[in-house]
């Protein structure tokens, strides 16, 4: 019988969008089987629901919640995990750096959409020629 796939707790935490250091020791200390990971995703225990709701959140999640890039967090000097309450406070205060980084992120998304559209049009033109 084949051995079930496992992943490190760090990998599982990244895939679950949680901060590994905030997870229970029982989760941090071991390997996570594919079955256990799927169960965490489909039927999260209370500790996982609490972490997802209240944090502290890892940087990618903080960046997503604020609508900025991880580089934007770096430029703002935010290098620590933030809780949901801290993220909400930043969104209410809207400091200058956050306004600027959100605008930058919007420009990046608009440019990516423009390039994607342009590529699709070129592909459609090539397909029409064939």
Protein backbone atom coordinates (compact mmCIF):
# COMPACT_ATOMS: atom_id res chain seq x y z
CA UNK A 1 0.00 0.00 0.00
CA UNK A 2 1.35 3.43 -0.92
CA UNK A 3 2.21 5.85 1.85
CA UNK A 4 -0.04 8.89 2.09
CA UNK A 5 1.44 12.22 0.99
CA UNK A 6 2.44 14.60 3.74
CA UNK A 7 3.51 18.23 3.91
CA UNK A 8 5.34 20.27 6.48
CA UNK A 9 3.19 22.28 8.87
CA UNK A 10 4.68 25.47 7.38
CA UNK A 11 3.43 24.51 3.91
CA UNK A 12 -0.01 23.60 5.25
CA UNK A 13 -0.22 26.91 7.13
CA UNK A 14 0.61 28.85 3.95
CA UNK A 15 -2.04 26.97 2.01
CA UNK A 16 -4.57 27.60 4.78
CA UNK A 17 -3.66 31.30 4.93
CA UNK A 18 -2.70 31.26 8.61
CA UNK A 19 0.34 32.29 10.60
CA UNK A 20 2.17 29.13 11.65
CA UNK A 21 3.42 30.69 14.89
CA UNK A 22 -0.17 31.33 15.97
CA UNK A 23 -1.32 27.75 15.32
CA UNK A 24 -1.52 25.21 18.15
CA UNK A 25 1.68 23.34 18.96
CA UNK A 26 0.07 20.06 17.91
CA UNK A 27 -0.27 21.49 14.38
CA UNK A 28 3.16 23.18 14.28
CA UNK A 29 5.14 20.17 15.44
CA UNK A 30 4.15 17.54 12.93
CA UNK A 31 3.63 16.63 9.34
CA UNK A 32 0.17 17.09 7.86
CA UNK A 33 -1.25 14.29 5.72
CA UNK A 34 -3.23 15.10 2.61
CA UNK A 35 -6.34 13.64 4.28
CA UNK A 36 -5.86 15.77 7.40
CA UNK A 37 -5.25 18.88 5.27
CA UNK A 38 -8.42 18.28 3.25
CA UNK A 39 -10.34 17.85 6.50
CA UNK A 40 -8.90 21.14 7.84
CA UNK A 41 -10.12 22.89 4.70
CA UNK A 42 -13.59 21.35 4.61
CA UNK A 43 -14.29 21.10 8.35
CA UNK A 44 -12.00 23.60 10.07
CA UNK A 45 -11.63 23.22 13.83
CA UNK A 46 -12.44 26.17 16.11
CA UNK A 47 -8.78 27.24 16.41
CA UNK A 48 -8.48 27.52 12.62
CA UNK A 49 -11.74 29.45 12.27
CA UNK A 50 -10.57 31.83 15.04
CA UNK A 51 -7.20 32.39 13.34
CA UNK A 52 -8.81 33.05 9.98
CA UNK A 53 -11.32 35.45 11.48
CA UNK A 54 -9.20 37.32 14.05
CA UNK A 55 -5.57 36.71 13.09
CA UNK A 56 -2.78 37.38 13.52
CA UNK A 57 -2.53 37.06 9.75
CA UNK A 58 0.55 36.33 7.62
CA UNK A 59 1.80 39.08 5.32
CA UNK A 60 0.13 37.81 2.12
CA UNK A 61 -3.25 37.80 3.88
CA UNK A 62 -2.64 41.26 5.38
CA UNK A 63 -1.67 42.60 1.95
CA UNK A 64 -4.79 41.10 0.37
CA UNK A 65 -7.08 42.46 3.10
CA UNK A 66 -5.56 45.95 2.70
CA UNK A 67 -5.65 45.80 -1.10
CA UNK A 68 -1.90 46.30 -1.47
CA UNK A 69 1.12 44.23 -2.47
CA UNK A 70 3.58 42.64 -0.08
CA UNK A 71 6.13 45.11 -1.47
CA UNK A 72 3.75 47.89 -0.48
CA UNK A 73 3.74 46.55 3.08
CA UNK A 74 7.54 46.56 2.98
CA UNK A 75 7.65 50.16 1.76
CA UNK A 76 5.31 51.14 4.60
CA UNK A 77 7.56 49.40 7.14
CA UNK A 78 4.94 46.83 8.10
CA UNK A 79 6.83 43.63 8.69
CA UNK A 80 4.86 42.11 11.55
CA UNK A 81 1.68 40.04 11.31
CA UNK A 82 -1.48 42.06 11.92
CA UNK A 83 -4.77 41.08 13.49
CA UNK A 84 -8.11 41.66 11.80
CA UNK A 85 -8.76 44.55 14.22
CA UNK A 86 -5.46 46.20 13.24
CA UNK A 87 -6.27 45.80 9.53
CA UNK A 88 -9.73 47.32 10.04
CA UNK A 89 -8.18 50.22 11.96
CA UNK A 90 -5.78 50.92 9.08
CA UNK A 91 -8.65 50.79 6.60
CA UNK A 92 -10.63 53.29 8.69
CA UNK A 93 -7.67 55.64 9.17
CA UNK A 94 -6.48 55.32 5.54
CA UNK A 95 -2.98 56.69 6.14
CA UNK A 96 -1.26 58.32 3.17
CA UNK A 97 0.93 55.29 2.47
CA UNK A 98 -2.14 53.03 2.27
CA UNK A 99 -3.94 55.35 -0.15
CA UNK A 100 -0.80 55.48 -2.32
CA UNK A 101 -0.20 51.72 -2.25
CA UNK A 102 -3.85 50.93 -3.03
CA UNK A 103 -3.65 53.27 -6.04
CA UNK A 104 -0.45 51.57 -7.17
CA UNK A 105 -2.06 48.16 -6.81
CA UNK A 106 -5.09 49.32 -8.82
CA UNK A 107 -2.78 50.57 -11.59
CA UNK A 108 -0.97 47.23 -11.66
CA UNK A 109 -4.27 45.34 -11.93
CA UNK A 110 -5.49 47.64 -14.70
CA UNK A 111 -2.24 47.21 -16.65
CA UNK A 112 -2.39 43.42 -16.24
CA UNK A 113 -5.97 43.42 -17.53
CA UNK A 114 -4.96 45.60 -20.50
CA UNK A 115 -2.07 43.27 -21.40
CA UNK A 116 -4.30 40.21 -21.04
CA UNK A 117 -6.92 41.78 -23.32
CA UNK A 118 -4.26 42.75 -25.86
CA UNK A 119 -2.89 39.19 -25.91
CA UNK A 120 -6.37 37.75 -26.33
CA UNK A 121 -7.03 40.08 -29.28
CA UNK A 122 -3.74 39.08 -30.93
CA UNK A 123 -4.50 35.40 -30.39
CA UNK A 124 -7.98 35.85 -31.87
CA UNK A 125 -6.50 37.66 -34.90
CA UNK A 126 -4.00 34.84 -35.43
CA UNK A 127 -6.73 32.24 -35.12
CA UNK A 128 -8.85 34.12 -37.66
CA UNK A 129 -5.93 34.12 -40.13
CA UNK A 130 -5.47 30.35 -39.85
